[in-house]
Amino acid sequence: MVKSNSDIYMNDYVHKVGNRKEKEISFYATAENFLEGCRFNDSLHALAAGKPILIPKGVYFFRTHAEADQQRMDYLVRAIAATESKNQGET
């Protein structure tokens, strides 16, 4: 079997991150999945509502794009966790 260029590209450069299983799509939603979706939606709205993702001001130098992405992801996760903990306190 001949590999296409896209197959070669995908195998060489795409890295799988995490191991969360996707939720099954069904006609009837469970209450647990519905609540999880609501919390996710609330978190996204809180981030977009002007609540800053606090990355300290400064000039940052990174050796790779992966290091820069990791810093951005770390601060994004902190912001989401803070929003979630606030939401858990309200319920």
PDB file of N, CA and C in Angstrom:
ATOM      1  N   MET A   1       0.850  -1.188   0.000  1.00  0.00           N
ATOM      2  CA  MET A   1       0.000   0.000   0.000  1.00  0.00           C
ATOM      3  C   MET A   1       0.889   1.241   0.000  1.00  0.00           C
ATOM      4  N   VAL A   2       0.571   2.182  -0.841  1.00  0.00           N
ATOM      5  CA  VAL A   2       1.343   3.413  -0.961  1.00  0.00           C
ATOM      6  C   VAL A   2       0.760   4.449  -0.006  1.00  0.00           C
ATOM      7  N   LYS A   3       1.637   5.062   0.771  1.00  0.00           N
ATOM      8  CA  LYS A   3       1.191   6.109   1.697  1.00  0.00           C
ATOM      9  C   LYS A   3       1.118   7.438   0.972  1.00  0.00           C
ATOM     10  N   SER A   4       0.077   8.193   1.293  1.00  0.00           N
ATOM     11  CA  SER A   4      -0.034   9.530   0.714  1.00  0.00           C
ATOM     12  C   SER A   4       0.825  10.486   1.527  1.00  0.00           C
ATOM     13  N   ASN A   5       1.041  11.656   0.984  1.00  0.00           N
ATOM     14  CA  ASN A   5       1.824  12.672   1.699  1.00  0.00           C
ATOM     15  C   ASN A   5       1.169  13.056   3.016  1.00  0.00           C
ATOM     16  N   SER A   6      -0.167  13.097   3.041  1.00  0.00           N
ATOM     17  CA  SER A   6      -0.851  13.472   4.279  1.00  0.00           C
ATOM     18  C   SER A   6      -0.658  12.402   5.348  1.00  0.00           C
ATOM     19  N   ASP A   7      -0.619  11.114   4.970  1.00  0.00           N
ATOM     20  CA  ASP A   7      -0.377  10.048   5.949  1.00  0.00           C
ATOM     21  C   ASP A   7       1.016  10.183   6.545  1.00  0.00           C
ATOM     22  N   ILE A   8       1.985  10.458   5.720  1.00  0.00           N
ATOM     23  CA  ILE A   8       3.356  10.611   6.191  1.00  0.00           C
ATOM     24  C   ILE A   8       3.449  11.822   7.118  1.00  0.00           C
ATOM     25  N   TYR A   9       2.828  12.915   6.732  1.00  0.00           N
ATOM     26  CA  TYR A   9       2.843  14.131   7.552  1.00  0.00           C
ATOM     27  C   TYR A   9       2.197  13.876   8.898  1.00  0.00           C
ATOM     28  N   MET A  10       1.032  13.237   8.904  1.00  0.00           N
ATOM     29  CA  MET A  10       0.312  13.003  10.151  1.00  0.00           C
ATOM     30  C   MET A  10       1.119  12.134  11.111  1.00  0.00           C
ATOM     31  N   ASN A  11       1.759  11.111  10.605  1.00  0.00           N
ATOM     32  CA  ASN A  11       2.511  10.210  11.476  1.00  0.00           C
ATOM     33  C   ASN A  11       3.780  10.861  12.018  1.00  0.00           C
ATOM     34  N   ASP A  12       4.382  11.760  11.270  1.00  0.00           N
ATOM     35  CA  ASP A  12       5.633  12.360  11.692  1.00  0.00           C
ATOM     36  C   ASP A  12       5.464  13.548  12.627  1.00  0.00           C
ATOM     37  N   TYR A  13       4.383  14.275  12.523  1.00  0.00           N
ATOM     38  CA  TYR A  13       4.287  15.556  13.222  1.00  0.00           C
ATOM     39  C   TYR A  13       3.132  15.702  14.198  1.00  0.00           C
ATOM     40  N   VAL A  14       2.153  14.843  14.161  1.00  0.00           N
ATOM     41  CA  VAL A  14       1.001  14.989  15.040  1.00  0.00           C
ATOM     42  C   VAL A  14       1.240  14.157  16.297  1.00  0.00           C
ATOM     43  N   HIS A  15       1.068  14.795  17.445  1.00  0.00           N
ATOM     44  CA  HIS A  15       1.270  14.112  18.719  1.00  0.00           C
ATOM     45  C   HIS A  15      -0.061  14.006  19.433  1.00  0.00           C
ATOM     46  N   LYS A  16      -0.400  12.816  19.888  1.00  0.00           N
ATOM     47  CA  LYS A  16      -1.629  12.620  20.644  1.00  0.00           C
ATOM     48  C   LYS A  16      -1.404  13.128  22.063  1.00  0.00           C
ATOM     49  N   VAL A  17      -2.313  13.943  22.546  1.00  0.00           N
ATOM     50  CA  VAL A  17      -2.205  14.507  23.885  1.00  0.00           C
ATOM     51  C   VAL A  17      -3.422  14.051  24.675  1.00  0.00           C
ATOM     52  N   GLY A  18      -3.187  13.423  25.808  1.00  0.00           N
ATOM     53  CA  GLY A  18      -4.285  12.989  26.665  1.00  0.00           C
ATOM     54  C   GLY A  18      -4.849  11.653  26.230  1.00  0.00           C
ATOM     55  N   ASN A  19      -5.785  11.162  27.024  1.00  0.00           N
ATOM     56  CA  ASN A  19      -6.400   9.881  26.710  1.00  0.00           C
ATOM     57  C   ASN A  19      -7.885   9.872  27.053  1.00  0.00           C
ATOM     58  N   ARG A  20      -8.495  11.042  27.082  1.00  0.00           N
ATOM     59  CA  ARG A  20      -9.913  11.128  27.404  1.00  0.00           C
ATOM     60  C   ARG A  20     -10.738  10.511  26.283  1.00  0.00           C
ATOM     61  N   LYS A  21     -11.718   9.738  26.651  1.00  0.00           N
ATOM     62  CA  LYS A  21     -12.597   9.126  25.662  1.00  0.00           C
ATOM     63  C   LYS A  21     -13.715  10.098  25.323  1.00  0.00           C
ATOM     64  N   GLU A  22     -14.067  10.140  24.050  1.00  0.00           N
ATOM     65  CA  GLU A  22     -15.154  11.020  23.632  1.00  0.00           C
ATOM     66  C   GLU A  22     -16.475  10.465  24.138  1.00  0.00           C
ATOM     67  N   LYS A  23     -17.374  11.361  24.471  1.00  0.00           N
ATOM     68  CA  LYS A  23     -18.702  10.951  24.891  1.00  0.00           C
ATOM     69  C   LYS A  23     -19.464  10.427  23.682  1.00  0.00           C
ATOM     70  N   GLU A  24     -20.258   9.426  23.914  1.00  0.00           N
ATOM     71  CA  GLU A  24     -21.061   8.871  22.835  1.00  0.00           C
ATOM     72  C   GLU A  24     -22.188   9.846  22.492  1.00  0.00           C
ATOM     73  N   ILE A  25     -22.390  10.063  21.223  1.00  0.00           N
ATOM     74  CA  ILE A  25     -23.466  10.934  20.787  1.00  0.00           C
ATOM     75  C   ILE A  25     -24.736  10.096  20.698  1.00  0.00           C
ATOM     76  N   SER A  26     -25.747  10.507  21.437  1.00  0.00           N
ATOM     77  CA  SER A  26     -27.004   9.755  21.421  1.00  0.00           C
ATOM     78  C   SER A  26     -28.166  10.725  21.296  1.00  0.00           C
ATOM     79  N   PHE A  27     -29.308  10.177  21.012  1.00  0.00           N
ATOM     80  CA  PHE A  27     -30.502  11.000  20.850  1.00  0.00           C
ATOM     81  C   PHE A  27     -30.934  11.588  22.185  1.00  0.00           C
ATOM     82  N   TYR A  28     -30.741  10.836  23.268  1.00  0.00           N
ATOM     83  CA  TYR A  28     -31.141  11.287  24.594  1.00  0.00           C
ATOM     84  C   TYR A  28     -29.884  11.581  25.420  1.00  0.00           C
ATOM     85  N   ALA A  29     -29.773  12.790  25.913  1.00  0.00           N
ATOM     86  CA  ALA A  29     -28.613  13.170  26.712  1.00  0.00           C
ATOM     87  C   ALA A  29     -28.814  12.730  28.158  1.00  0.00           C
ATOM     88  N   THR A  30     -27.726  12.358  28.806  1.00  0.00           N
ATOM     89  CA  THR A  30     -27.809  12.050  30.233  1.00  0.00           C
ATOM     90  C   THR A  30     -27.685  13.354  31.011  1.00  0.00           C
ATOM     91  N   ALA A  31     -28.171  13.345  32.219  1.00  0.00           N
ATOM     92  CA  ALA A  31     -28.093  14.547  33.058  1.00  0.00           C
ATOM     93  C   ALA A  31     -26.640  14.904  33.340  1.00  0.00           C
ATOM     94  N   GLU A  32     -25.808  13.870  33.543  1.00  0.00           N
ATOM     95  CA  GLU A  32     -24.394  14.117  33.831  1.00  0.00           C
ATOM     96  C   GLU A  32     -23.706  14.818  32.663  1.00  0.00           C
ATOM     97  N   ASN A  33     -23.939  14.336  31.449  1.00  0.00           N
ATOM     98  CA  ASN A  33     -23.336  14.965  30.265  1.00  0.00           C
ATOM     99  C   ASN A  33     -23.887  16.375  30.046  1.00  0.00           C
ATOM    100  N   PHE A  34     -25.163  16.558  30.323  1.00  0.00           N
ATOM    101  CA  PHE A  34     -25.772  17.876  30.173  1.00  0.00           C
ATOM    102  C   PHE A  34     -25.130  18.875  31.135  1.00  0.00           C
ATOM    103  N   LEU A  35     -24.972  18.474  32.401  1.00  0.00           N
ATOM    104  CA  LEU A  35     -24.360  19.365  33.390  1.00  0.00           C
ATOM    105  C   LEU A  35     -22.910  19.652  33.047  1.00  0.00           C
ATOM    106  N   GLU A  36     -22.184  18.651  32.578  1.00  0.00           N
ATOM    107  CA  GLU A  36     -20.794  18.870  32.175  1.00  0.00           C
ATOM    108  C   GLU A  36     -20.728  19.873  31.022  1.00  0.00           C
ATOM    109  N   GLY A  37     -21.640  19.746  30.073  1.00  0.00           N
ATOM    110  CA  GLY A  37     -21.694  20.699  28.961  1.00  0.00           C
ATOM    111  C   GLY A  37     -22.025  22.103  29.435  1.00  0.00           C
ATOM    112  N   CYS A  38     -22.918  22.214  30.393  1.00  0.00           N
ATOM    113  CA  CYS A  38     -23.273  23.530  30.939  1.00  0.00           C
ATOM    114  C   CYS A  38     -22.078  24.176  31.637  1.00  0.00           C
ATOM    115  N   ARG A  39     -21.351  23.379  32.426  1.00  0.00           N
ATOM    116  CA  ARG A  39     -20.171  23.920  33.114  1.00  0.00           C
ATOM    117  C   ARG A  39     -19.105  24.357  32.119  1.00  0.00           C
ATOM    118  N   PHE A  40     -18.912  23.552  31.074  1.00  0.00           N
ATOM    119  CA  PHE A  40     -17.937  23.909  30.038  1.00  0.00           C
ATOM    120  C   PHE A  40     -18.348  25.206  29.353  1.00  0.00           C
ATOM    121  N   ASN A  41     -19.619  25.339  29.021  1.00  0.00           N
ATOM    122  CA  ASN A  41     -20.133  26.537  28.373  1.00  0.00           C
ATOM    123  C   ASN A  41     -19.955  27.757  29.273  1.00  0.00           C
ATOM    124  N   ASP A  42     -20.253  27.606  30.561  1.00  0.00           N
ATOM    125  CA  ASP A  42     -20.080  28.711  31.503  1.00  0.00           C
ATOM    126  C   ASP A  42     -18.612  29.135  31.588  1.00  0.00           C
ATOM    127  N   SER A  43     -17.718  28.145  31.580  1.00  0.00           N
ATOM    128  CA  SER A  43     -16.286  28.452  31.650  1.00  0.00           C
ATOM    129  C   SER A  43     -15.845  29.240  30.429  1.00  0.00           C
ATOM    130  N   LEU A  44     -16.297  28.821  29.255  1.00  0.00           N
ATOM    131  CA  LEU A  44     -15.928  29.538  28.033  1.00  0.00           C
ATOM    132  C   LEU A  44     -16.462  30.953  28.037  1.00  0.00           C
ATOM    133  N   HIS A  45     -17.713  31.125  28.487  1.00  0.00           N
ATOM    134  CA  HIS A  45     -18.284  32.464  28.539  1.00  0.00           C
ATOM    135  C   HIS A  45     -17.539  33.348  29.544  1.00  0.00           C
ATOM    136  N   ALA A  46     -17.139  32.766  30.667  1.00  0.00           N
ATOM    137  CA  ALA A  46     -16.409  33.550  31.670  1.00  0.00           C
ATOM    138  C   ALA A  46     -15.064  34.003  31.118  1.00  0.00           C
ATOM    139  N   LEU A  47     -14.399  33.137  30.356  1.00  0.00           N
ATOM    140  CA  LEU A  47     -13.115  33.523  29.769  1.00  0.00           C
ATOM    141  C   LEU A  47     -13.297  34.620  28.730  1.00  0.00           C
ATOM    142  N   ALA A  48     -14.378  34.539  27.975  1.00  0.00           N
ATOM    143  CA  ALA A  48     -14.610  35.513  26.915  1.00  0.00           C
ATOM    144  C   ALA A  48     -15.217  36.810  27.444  1.00  0.00           C
ATOM    145  N   ALA A  49     -15.651  36.828  28.705  1.00  0.00           N
ATOM    146  CA  ALA A  49     -16.347  37.990  29.252  1.00  0.00           C
ATOM    147  C   ALA A  49     -15.399  39.042  29.788  1.00  0.00           C
ATOM    148  N   GLY A  50     -14.160  38.962  29.397  1.00  0.00           N
ATOM    149  CA  GLY A  50     -13.225  39.988  29.809  1.00  0.00           C
ATOM    150  C   GLY A  50     -12.433  39.653  31.050  1.00  0.00           C
ATOM    151  N   LYS A  51     -12.661  38.482  31.607  1.00  0.00           N
ATOM    152  CA  LYS A  51     -11.844  38.076  32.740  1.00  0.00           C
ATOM    153  C   LYS A  51     -10.502  37.633  32.174  1.00  0.00           C
ATOM    154  N   PRO A  52      -9.448  38.312  32.526  1.00  0.00           N
ATOM    155  CA  PRO A  52      -8.173  38.061  31.861  1.00  0.00           C
ATOM    156  C   PRO A  52      -7.544  36.724  32.245  1.00  0.00           C
ATOM    157  N   ILE A  53      -6.855  36.151  31.293  1.00  0.00           N
ATOM    158  CA  ILE A  53      -5.993  35.014  31.572  1.00  0.00           C
ATOM    159  C   ILE A  53      -4.662  35.639  31.927  1.00  0.00           C
ATOM    160  N   LEU A  54      -4.365  35.657  33.213  1.00  0.00           N
ATOM    161  CA  LEU A  54      -3.243  36.441  33.696  1.00  0.00           C
ATOM    162  C   LEU A  54      -1.908  35.795  33.335  1.00  0.00           C
ATOM    163  N   ILE A  55      -1.238  36.376  32.366  1.00  0.00           N
ATOM    164  CA  ILE A  55       0.140  36.030  32.038  1.00  0.00           C
ATOM    165  C   ILE A  55       0.942  37.273  32.389  1.00  0.00           C
ATOM    166  N   PRO A  56       1.854  37.149  33.329  1.00  0.00           N
ATOM    167  CA  PRO A  56       2.605  38.336  33.758  1.00  0.00           C
ATOM    168  C   PRO A  56       3.271  39.048  32.578  1.00  0.00           C
ATOM    169  N   LYS A  57       3.230  40.368  32.649  1.00  0.00           N
ATOM    170  CA  LYS A  57       3.851  41.153  31.585  1.00  0.00           C
ATOM    171  C   LYS A  57       5.345  40.898  31.542  1.00  0.00           C
ATOM    172  N   GLY A  58       5.885  40.997  30.366  1.00  0.00           N
ATOM    173  CA  GLY A  58       7.317  40.811  30.220  1.00  0.00           C
ATOM    174  C   GLY A  58       7.649  40.297  28.833  1.00  0.00           C
ATOM    175  N   VAL A  59       8.894  40.113  28.599  1.00  0.00           N
ATOM    176  CA  VAL A  59       9.370  39.556  27.340  1.00  0.00           C
ATOM    177  C   VAL A  59       9.812  38.132  27.618  1.00  0.00           C
ATOM    178  N   TYR A  60       9.280  37.206  26.869  1.00  0.00           N
ATOM    179  CA  TYR A  60       9.590  35.803  27.074  1.00  0.00           C
ATOM    180  C   TYR A  60      10.351  35.275  25.868  1.00  0.00           C
ATOM    181  N   PHE A  61      11.357  34.487  26.129  1.00  0.00           N
ATOM    182  CA  PHE A  61      12.124  33.833  25.066  1.00  0.00           C
ATOM    183  C   PHE A  61      11.999  32.329  25.256  1.00  0.00           C
ATOM    184  N   PHE A  62      11.671  31.638  24.194  1.00  0.00           N
ATOM    185  CA  PHE A  62      11.505  30.201  24.240  1.00  0.00           C
ATOM    186  C   PHE A  62      12.393  29.561  23.186  1.00  0.00           C
ATOM    187  N   ARG A  63      12.903  28.387  23.514  1.00  0.00           N
ATOM    188  CA  ARG A  63      13.735  27.670  22.543  1.00  0.00           C
ATOM    189  C   ARG A  63      12.911  27.071  21.428  1.00  0.00           C
ATOM    190  N   THR A  64      11.678  26.666  21.764  1.00  0.00           N
ATOM    191  CA  THR A  64      10.817  26.030  20.763  1.00  0.00           C
ATOM    192  C   THR A  64       9.404  26.593  20.862  1.00  0.00           C
ATOM    193  N   HIS A  65       8.647  26.362  19.823  1.00  0.00           N
ATOM    194  CA  HIS A  65       7.234  26.743  19.853  1.00  0.00           C
ATOM    195  C   HIS A  65       6.495  25.925  20.902  1.00  0.00           C
ATOM    196  N   ALA A  66       6.926  24.681  21.102  1.00  0.00           N
ATOM    197  CA  ALA A  66       6.280  23.823  22.092  1.00  0.00           C
ATOM    198  C   ALA A  66       6.389  24.421  23.493  1.00  0.00           C
ATOM    199  N   GLU A  67       7.540  24.998  23.832  1.00  0.00           N
ATOM    200  CA  GLU A  67       7.701  25.640  25.139  1.00  0.00           C
ATOM    201  C   GLU A  67       6.768  26.841  25.276  1.00  0.00           C
ATOM    202  N   ALA A  68       6.648  27.633  24.237  1.00  0.00           N
ATOM    203  CA  ALA A  68       5.747  28.791  24.276  1.00  0.00           C
ATOM    204  C   ALA A  68       4.294  28.334  24.403  1.00  0.00           C
ATOM    205  N   ASP A  69       3.932  27.305  23.643  1.00  0.00           N
ATOM    206  CA  ASP A  69       2.577  26.767  23.726  1.00  0.00           C
ATOM    207  C   ASP A  69       2.295  26.218  25.115  1.00  0.00           C
ATOM    208  N   GLN A  70       3.299  25.577  25.714  1.00  0.00           N
ATOM    209  CA  GLN A  70       3.119  25.008  27.047  1.00  0.00           C
ATOM    210  C   GLN A  70       2.857  26.103  28.077  1.00  0.00           C
ATOM    211  N   GLN A  71       3.589  27.215  27.988  1.00  0.00           N
ATOM    212  CA  GLN A  71       3.351  28.309  28.929  1.00  0.00           C
ATOM    213  C   GLN A  71       1.930  28.861  28.755  1.00  0.00           C
ATOM    214  N   ARG A  72       1.535  29.073  27.528  1.00  0.00           N
ATOM    215  CA  ARG A  72       0.185  29.581  27.260  1.00  0.00           C
ATOM    216  C   ARG A  72      -0.867  28.613  27.793  1.00  0.00           C
ATOM    217  N   MET A  73      -0.666  27.310  27.563  1.00  0.00           N
ATOM    218  CA  MET A  73      -1.617  26.305  28.027  1.00  0.00           C
ATOM    219  C   MET A  73      -1.671  26.256  29.554  1.00  0.00           C
ATOM    220  N   ASP A  74      -0.523  26.388  30.216  1.00  0.00           N
ATOM    221  CA  ASP A  74      -0.501  26.381  31.680  1.00  0.00           C
ATOM    222  C   ASP A  74      -1.345  27.519  32.255  1.00  0.00           C
ATOM    223  N   TYR A  75      -1.202  28.707  31.699  1.00  0.00           N
ATOM    224  CA  TYR A  75      -1.981  29.841  32.197  1.00  0.00           C
ATOM    225  C   TYR A  75      -3.462  29.703  31.836  1.00  0.00           C
ATOM    226  N   LEU A  76      -3.763  29.136  30.677  1.00  0.00           N
ATOM    227  CA  LEU A  76      -5.154  28.907  30.299  1.00  0.00           C
ATOM    228  C   LEU A  76      -5.799  27.904  31.253  1.00  0.00           C
ATOM    229  N   VAL A  77      -5.090  26.837  31.576  1.00  0.00           N
ATOM    230  CA  VAL A  77      -5.616  25.831  32.511  1.00  0.00           C
ATOM    231  C   VAL A  77      -5.848  26.448  33.877  1.00  0.00           C
ATOM    232  N   ARG A  78      -4.923  27.294  34.338  1.00  0.00           N
ATOM    233  CA  ARG A  78      -5.123  27.971  35.624  1.00  0.00           C
ATOM    234  C   ARG A  78      -6.383  28.822  35.611  1.00  0.00           C
ATOM    235  N   ALA A  79      -6.605  29.545  34.522  1.00  0.00           N
ATOM    236  CA  ALA A  79      -7.792  30.401  34.428  1.00  0.00           C
ATOM    237  C   ALA A  79      -9.067  29.564  34.430  1.00  0.00           C
ATOM    238  N   ILE A  80      -9.068  28.451  33.699  1.00  0.00           N
ATOM    239  CA  ILE A  80     -10.248  27.584  33.662  1.00  0.00           C
ATOM    240  C   ILE A  80     -10.476  26.958  35.031  1.00  0.00           C
ATOM    241  N   ALA A  81      -9.399  26.512  35.684  1.00  0.00           N
ATOM    242  CA  ALA A  81      -9.534  25.911  37.013  1.00  0.00           C
ATOM    243  C   ALA A  81     -10.087  26.920  38.013  1.00  0.00           C
ATOM    244  N   ALA A  82      -9.628  28.155  37.936  1.00  0.00           N
ATOM    245  CA  ALA A  82     -10.135  29.190  38.846  1.00  0.00           C
ATOM    246  C   ALA A  82     -11.619  29.439  38.608  1.00  0.00           C
ATOM    247  N   THR A  83     -12.013  29.467  37.349  1.00  0.00           N
ATOM    248  CA  THR A  83     -13.426  29.666  37.013  1.00  0.00           C
ATOM    249  C   THR A  83     -14.256  28.491  37.499  1.00  0.00           C
ATOM    250  N   GLU A  84     -13.755  27.271  37.289  1.00  0.00           N
ATOM    251  CA  GLU A  84     -14.473  26.079  37.722  1.00  0.00           C
ATOM    252  C   GLU A  84     -14.622  26.033  39.240  1.00  0.00           C
ATOM    253  N   SER A  85     -13.554  26.372  39.960  1.00  0.00           N
ATOM    254  CA  SER A  85     -13.642  26.334  41.427  1.00  0.00           C
ATOM    255  C   SER A  85     -14.647  27.367  41.916  1.00  0.00           C
ATOM    256  N   LYS A  86     -14.700  28.506  41.235  1.00  0.00           N
ATOM    257  CA  LYS A  86     -15.695  29.529  41.588  1.00  0.00           C
ATOM    258  C   LYS A  86     -17.098  29.004  41.305  1.00  0.00           C
ATOM    259  N   ASN A  87     -17.281  28.327  40.169  1.00  0.00           N
ATOM    260  CA  ASN A  87     -18.579  27.777  39.816  1.00  0.00           C
ATOM    261  C   ASN A  87     -19.004  26.672  40.786  1.00  0.00           C
ATOM    262  N   GLN A  88     -18.049  25.854  41.238  1.00  0.00           N
ATOM    263  CA  GLN A  88     -18.377  24.780  42.192  1.00  0.00           C
ATOM    264  C   GLN A  88     -18.818  25.374  43.514  1.00  0.00           C
ATOM    265  N   GLY A  89     -18.258  26.505  43.898  1.00  0.00           N
ATOM    266  CA  GLY A  89     -18.643  27.148  45.144  1.00  0.00           C
ATOM    267  C   GLY A  89     -20.051  27.728  45.088  1.00  0.00           C
ATOM    268  N   GLU A  90     -20.522  28.049  43.885  1.00  0.00           N
ATOM    269  CA  GLU A  90     -21.855  28.651  43.733  1.00  0.00           C
ATOM    270  C   GLU A  90     -22.952  27.620  43.738  1.00  0.00           C
ATOM    271  N   THR A  91     -22.630  26.357  43.436  1.00  0.00           N
ATOM    272  CA  THR A  91     -23.705  25.342  43.365  1.00  0.00           C
ATOM    273  C   THR A  91     -23.919  24.659  44.667  1.00  0.00           C
TER     274      THR A  91
END
